[in-house]
Amino acid sequence: MTLVDVMNLFDSDEKCRELLNRLRWPNGPECPRCHGKVAELATAKQLFYCKDCDYQFTVTAGTIFNDSHLPLIKWFIATLLICESRKGHSALQMKRELGISYKTAWYLCHRIRSAMVQAEMPMLDGVVEMDETYVGGRKLGQGQKYAKNAKEVVVGIRQRGGDLRFFHAADAKSGTLARFIQENLSEDVEVLITDELRAYRKAAGKVRHETVNHSAGEYVRLGTDIHTNTIESSFSLLKRGIIGTWHKISAKHLAAYLDEMCFRFNRRKSHTLFLDTLRHMVTADPLTFEKLTA
């Protein structure tokens, strides 16, 4: 799906709603309150009415689109731009492209982002790489590096040939790492590969664990495929997004950006990424501005 396709196929609010109807109710419209049969009223916004609970609603009611006054075609364009931007898409750029205020663009991007949370994440198996990195932070002064204790910890787990997971962690201690391992790695995992950080030794538990010693200049164990280059390349993509696109991410919203990165990366070969994202948006719970900024 290209930007030209979106503008040609969904050039009216009615066409946008028809697609959302099919994505939200593949078996036909039903009441979001009582799940009963509904009748469609003859209105431009495709208003539905449920006789059982006396409720009128549209396809966007109770979804990410809830209470939005932005035309749906702009929603569709924004969704495609975020889907097709490997390193993310900034709210400031969205403001210029859609001709809307920065506040509206920022809220729009965060609502799309909130629908990119994977509700069900299958356990990872096979060869799995795990590493931690630090993002953000406060500059110490002119020409100095960032203060490490002011940075946020991001833990990354990636199955070779499979999914990527990013987590905003409180720290990189063994207990924290062990929880991520237990919640994401199946019993069928062949090997967990990390760097030489001592916390991984205890965190790995009974999982077969191999390490590479980066501090000694070892990045691939000689004659083997033991390395963490796969997860490190994912971190590189994340940091290019932070530095080159978003420029600055608050600790409060960091998890949302991580979810977006993983959602898009894990579907990078899918031809239906745009439709999958819209499907998540039309079935996800609303995100109010008050909740987002609380």
Protein backbone atom coordinates (compact mmCIF):
# COMPACT_ATOMS: atom_id res chain seq x y z
CA MET A 1 0.00 0.00 0.00
CA THR A 2 1.43 3.36 -1.05
CA LEU A 3 0.44 6.91 -0.20
CA VAL A 4 -1.05 7.31 -3.69
CA ASP A 5 -3.09 4.12 -3.16
CA VAL A 6 -4.49 5.41 0.12
CA MET A 7 -5.46 8.77 -1.34
CA ASN A 8 -7.12 7.17 -4.37
CA LEU A 9 -8.91 4.30 -2.59
CA PHE A 10 -10.07 6.24 0.47
CA ASP A 11 -10.75 9.72 -0.84
CA SER A 12 -13.95 10.13 1.16
CA ASP A 13 -15.08 9.61 4.73
CA GLU A 14 -17.64 7.06 3.54
CA LYS A 15 -15.00 4.85 1.90
CA CYS A 16 -12.82 5.02 5.02
CA ARG A 17 -15.74 3.94 7.20
CA GLU A 18 -16.58 1.06 4.88
CA LEU A 19 -13.07 -0.34 5.35
CA LEU A 20 -13.19 0.14 9.11
CA ASN A 21 -16.55 -1.65 9.19
CA ARG A 22 -15.03 -4.71 7.50
CA LEU A 23 -12.00 -4.69 9.77
CA ARG A 24 -13.95 -4.26 13.00
CA TRP A 25 -16.90 -6.51 12.16
CA PRO A 26 -15.88 -9.12 9.57
CA ASN A 27 -19.18 -10.96 10.24
CA GLY A 28 -21.34 -7.86 10.11
CA PRO A 29 -21.90 -4.92 12.49
CA GLU A 30 -22.79 -5.68 16.10
CA CYS A 31 -23.50 -3.54 19.13
CA PRO A 32 -20.32 -2.78 21.16
CA ARG A 33 -22.38 -2.77 24.35
CA CYS A 34 -24.55 -5.90 24.16
CA HIS A 35 -23.14 -7.48 20.96
CA GLY A 36 -26.64 -7.72 19.53
CA LYS A 37 -27.81 -7.27 15.95
CA VAL A 38 -28.02 -3.69 14.76
CA ALA A 39 -29.71 -1.67 12.05
CA GLU A 40 -27.96 0.97 9.95
CA LEU A 41 -29.58 4.38 9.85
CA ALA A 42 -29.53 6.41 6.66
CA THR A 43 -26.87 8.97 7.57
CA ALA A 44 -23.63 10.16 6.00
CA LYS A 45 -21.55 8.89 8.93
CA GLN A 46 -23.07 5.38 8.78
CA LEU A 47 -24.83 5.55 12.14
CA PHE A 48 -25.93 2.23 13.64
CA TYR A 49 -28.75 1.59 16.09
CA CYS A 50 -29.22 -1.31 18.51
CA LYS A 51 -32.84 -1.94 19.49
CA ASP A 52 -31.87 -4.27 22.34
CA CYS A 53 -30.06 -1.64 24.41
CA ASP A 54 -31.28 1.53 22.64
CA TYR A 55 -27.77 2.62 21.64
CA GLN A 56 -26.64 4.62 18.62
CA PHE A 57 -23.02 4.40 17.51
CA THR A 58 -20.62 4.55 14.56
CA VAL A 59 -17.74 2.25 13.64
CA THR A 60 -15.27 4.57 15.39
CA ALA A 61 -17.11 4.57 18.75
CA GLY A 62 -15.05 3.10 21.56
CA THR A 63 -11.90 2.81 19.42
CA ILE A 64 -8.65 4.72 18.94
CA PHE A 65 -10.64 7.04 16.60
CA ASN A 66 -13.12 7.86 19.38
CA ASP A 67 -14.15 11.55 19.65
CA SER A 68 -11.76 12.64 16.89
CA HIS A 69 -12.74 15.54 14.66
CA LEU A 70 -9.89 14.85 12.24
CA PRO A 71 -11.05 13.56 8.82
CA LEU A 72 -10.51 9.82 8.48
CA ILE A 73 -8.44 10.26 5.33
CA LYS A 74 -5.87 12.14 7.44
CA TRP A 75 -5.95 9.30 9.97
CA PHE A 76 -5.28 6.83 7.15
CA ILE A 77 -2.41 8.89 5.74
CA ALA A 78 -0.83 9.27 9.20
CA THR A 79 -1.13 5.52 9.80
CA LEU A 80 0.57 4.68 6.51
CA LEU A 81 3.38 7.17 7.14
CA ILE A 82 4.11 5.63 10.54
CA CYS A 83 3.92 2.10 9.12
CA GLU A 84 6.34 2.87 6.30
CA SER A 85 8.89 4.84 8.35
CA ARG A 86 11.49 2.32 9.51
CA LYS A 87 13.01 4.81 11.94
CA GLY A 88 9.72 6.29 13.07
CA HIS A 89 7.85 9.46 12.15
CA SER A 90 7.95 12.62 14.22
CA ALA A 91 4.90 14.61 15.27
CA LEU A 92 6.50 17.78 13.90
CA GLN A 93 6.85 16.20 10.46
CA MET A 94 3.25 14.92 10.68
CA LYS A 95 2.10 18.45 11.55
CA ARG A 96 3.64 19.81 8.35
CA GLU A 97 2.41 16.96 6.13
CA LEU A 98 -1.22 16.99 7.32
CA GLY A 99 -1.56 20.72 7.92
CA ILE A 100 -2.66 20.34 11.54
CA SER A 101 -1.47 21.75 14.86
CA TYR A 102 1.49 20.18 16.67
CA LYS A 103 -0.74 19.20 19.61
CA THR A 104 -3.12 17.37 17.28
CA ALA A 105 -0.23 15.67 15.45
CA TRP A 106 1.40 14.59 18.72
CA TYR A 107 -1.85 13.15 20.06
CA LEU A 108 -2.58 11.50 16.70
CA CYS A 109 0.81 9.75 16.62
CA HIS A 110 0.45 8.54 20.19
CA ARG A 111 -3.03 7.14 19.54
CA ILE A 112 -1.79 5.17 16.54
CA ARG A 113 1.21 4.07 18.60
CA SER A 114 -1.00 2.87 21.45
CA ALA A 115 -2.78 0.47 19.08
CA MET A 116 0.56 -1.13 18.22
CA VAL A 117 0.81 -2.96 21.53
CA GLN A 118 0.86 -6.71 20.98
CA ALA A 119 -1.78 -8.22 23.24
CA GLU A 120 -0.58 -11.75 22.62
CA MET A 121 3.13 -12.46 22.31
CA PRO A 122 4.11 -16.08 21.65
CA MET A 123 7.09 -17.41 23.57
CA LEU A 124 10.40 -17.22 21.74
CA ASP A 125 12.42 -20.35 20.98
CA GLY A 126 15.38 -21.45 18.87
CA VAL A 127 18.46 -19.22 19.13
CA VAL A 128 17.69 -16.09 21.15
CA GLU A 129 19.91 -13.06 21.68
CA MET A 130 19.49 -10.70 24.62
CA ASP A 131 21.20 -7.43 25.47
CA GLU A 132 20.62 -4.15 27.26
CA THR A 133 21.26 -0.56 26.21
CA TYR A 134 20.80 2.93 27.62
CA VAL A 135 18.92 5.77 25.95
CA GLY A 136 18.30 9.41 26.75
CA GLY A 137 20.13 10.95 29.67
CA ARG A 138 21.29 14.35 30.83
CA LYS A 139 24.42 16.00 29.46
CA LEU A 140 27.06 16.68 32.09
CA GLY A 141 28.56 19.68 30.34
CA GLN A 142 30.28 21.00 27.25
CA GLY A 143 32.10 18.20 25.42
CA GLN A 144 31.23 15.62 28.07
CA LYS A 145 29.31 12.39 27.73
CA TYR A 146 25.82 11.73 29.06
CA ALA A 147 25.39 10.68 32.67
CA LYS A 148 24.72 6.94 32.60
CA ASN A 149 22.67 7.03 35.79
CA ALA A 150 20.31 9.51 34.10
CA LYS A 151 19.68 7.25 31.13
CA GLU A 152 16.78 4.81 30.74
CA VAL A 153 17.42 1.08 30.47
CA VAL A 154 16.07 -0.77 27.43
CA VAL A 155 16.26 -4.56 27.38
CA GLY A 156 16.13 -6.21 23.97
CA ILE A 157 15.35 -9.84 23.13
CA ARG A 158 15.40 -11.13 19.57
CA GLN A 159 14.88 -14.60 18.18
CA ARG A 160 17.02 -15.20 15.13
CA GLY A 161 14.65 -15.34 12.20
CA GLY A 162 11.82 -14.39 14.53
CA ASP A 163 10.35 -11.61 16.64
CA LEU A 164 11.94 -8.67 18.39
CA ARG A 165 10.99 -7.47 21.88
CA PHE A 166 11.99 -4.20 23.54
CA PHE A 167 11.24 -3.42 27.18
CA HIS A 168 11.69 -0.27 29.25
CA ALA A 169 13.31 -1.69 32.38
CA ALA A 170 13.92 -0.20 35.81
CA ASP A 171 17.46 -1.61 35.84
CA ALA A 172 19.68 -4.33 34.39
CA LYS A 173 19.97 -6.43 37.55
CA SER A 174 19.69 -10.21 37.49
CA GLY A 175 16.18 -10.27 38.96
CA THR A 176 14.84 -7.90 36.31
CA LEU A 177 16.55 -9.78 33.48
CA ALA A 178 15.33 -13.14 34.86
CA ARG A 179 11.71 -11.92 34.74
CA PHE A 180 12.02 -10.95 31.06
CA ILE A 181 13.59 -14.33 30.29
CA GLN A 182 10.83 -16.25 32.09
CA GLU A 183 8.05 -14.23 30.43
CA ASN A 184 9.40 -14.41 26.87
CA LEU A 185 11.50 -17.56 26.38
CA SER A 186 9.91 -20.98 25.95
CA GLU A 187 11.28 -24.22 27.34
CA ASP A 188 12.27 -25.19 23.78
CA VAL A 189 14.85 -22.41 23.42
CA GLU A 190 18.10 -23.85 22.08
CA VAL A 191 20.47 -21.26 23.48
CA LEU A 192 20.39 -17.79 24.99
CA ILE A 193 23.29 -15.61 23.86
CA THR A 194 24.30 -12.46 25.77
CA ASP A 195 27.37 -10.35 26.41
CA GLU A 196 29.59 -10.88 29.46
CA LEU A 197 27.41 -8.89 31.92
CA ARG A 198 27.48 -10.98 35.11
CA ALA A 199 23.77 -10.45 35.83
CA TYR A 200 22.88 -12.73 32.89
CA ARG A 201 24.59 -15.74 34.46
CA LYS A 202 22.11 -15.89 37.32
CA ALA A 203 19.17 -14.62 35.27
CA ALA A 204 19.50 -17.38 32.64
CA GLY A 205 18.63 -20.07 35.17
CA LYS A 206 18.38 -23.49 33.54
CA VAL A 207 18.44 -22.11 30.00
CA ARG A 208 21.57 -22.98 28.03
CA HIS A 209 23.57 -19.78 28.12
CA GLU A 210 26.49 -18.65 25.95
CA THR A 211 28.32 -15.32 26.08
CA VAL A 212 30.67 -13.19 23.99
CA ASN A 213 33.28 -11.05 25.72
CA HIS A 214 32.93 -7.59 24.20
CA SER A 215 35.37 -6.02 26.66
CA ALA A 216 38.08 -8.34 25.30
CA GLY A 217 37.26 -7.43 21.70
CA GLU A 218 35.30 -10.64 21.03
CA TYR A 219 32.16 -10.03 18.95
CA VAL A 220 31.79 -13.45 17.35
CA ARG A 221 33.18 -16.54 19.00
CA LEU A 222 35.73 -18.00 16.62
CA GLY A 223 34.36 -20.81 14.47
CA THR A 224 30.80 -20.53 15.84
CA ASP A 225 27.62 -18.49 15.41
CA ILE A 226 27.74 -17.26 19.02
CA HIS A 227 27.25 -13.48 18.83
CA THR A 228 24.80 -10.72 19.75
CA ASN A 229 25.05 -8.83 16.47
CA THR A 230 21.38 -9.46 15.65
CA ILE A 231 19.97 -7.73 18.73
CA GLU A 232 22.61 -5.01 18.50
CA SER A 233 21.49 -4.17 14.96
CA SER A 234 17.97 -3.72 16.35
CA PHE A 235 19.30 -1.36 19.01
CA SER A 236 21.06 0.56 16.25
CA LEU A 237 17.76 1.03 14.41
CA LEU A 238 16.08 2.18 17.64
CA LYS A 239 18.79 4.74 18.39
CA ARG A 240 18.73 6.09 14.85
CA GLY A 241 15.01 6.63 15.34
CA ILE A 242 15.55 8.45 18.63
CA ILE A 243 18.44 10.60 17.42
CA GLY A 244 17.40 11.20 13.83
CA THR A 245 13.58 11.22 13.98
CA TRP A 246 12.11 11.75 17.43
CA HIS A 247 15.22 13.57 18.78
CA LYS A 248 14.00 13.27 22.34
CA ILE A 249 11.82 10.74 24.16
CA SER A 250 10.58 11.13 27.72
CA ALA A 251 10.86 8.22 30.13
CA LYS A 252 7.08 8.32 30.52
CA HIS A 253 6.39 7.54 26.86
CA LEU A 254 9.48 5.43 26.08
CA ALA A 255 7.56 2.13 26.27
CA ALA A 256 5.10 3.35 23.63
CA TYR A 257 7.91 4.11 21.17
CA LEU A 258 9.46 0.70 21.87
CA ASP A 259 6.12 -0.99 21.15
CA GLU A 260 5.86 0.89 17.85
CA MET A 261 9.36 -0.16 16.80
CA CYS A 262 8.71 -3.82 17.58
CA PHE A 263 5.26 -3.86 15.96
CA ARG A 264 6.61 -2.43 12.71
CA PHE A 265 9.83 -4.47 12.74
CA ASN A 266 8.07 -7.80 13.32
CA ARG A 267 5.77 -7.09 10.36
CA ARG A 268 8.39 -5.59 8.08
CA LYS A 269 7.86 -8.31 5.44
CA SER A 270 4.08 -8.22 5.63
CA HIS A 271 2.13 -6.83 2.67
CA THR A 272 -0.81 -6.09 4.98
CA LEU A 273 0.98 -3.96 7.60
CA PHE A 274 -1.27 -0.96 6.92
CA LEU A 275 -4.47 -3.01 7.21
CA ASP A 276 -3.17 -4.87 10.28
CA THR A 277 -2.49 -1.55 11.98
CA LEU A 278 -5.96 -0.21 11.15
CA ARG A 279 -7.46 -3.43 12.49
CA HIS A 280 -5.65 -2.91 15.78
CA MET A 281 -6.78 0.72 15.87
CA VAL A 282 -10.43 -0.12 15.34
CA THR A 283 -10.44 -2.83 18.01
CA ALA A 284 -8.22 -1.16 20.64
CA ASP A 285 -9.56 0.82 23.59
CA PRO A 286 -9.68 4.63 23.32
CA LEU A 287 -6.75 6.73 24.56
CA THR A 288 -7.92 10.05 25.96
CA PHE A 289 -5.69 13.12 25.99
CA GLU A 290 -6.13 13.34 29.76
CA LYS A 291 -4.86 9.79 30.23
CA LEU A 292 -1.95 10.36 27.84
CA THR A 293 -0.79 13.51 29.62
CA ALA A 294 -1.63 12.49 33.20
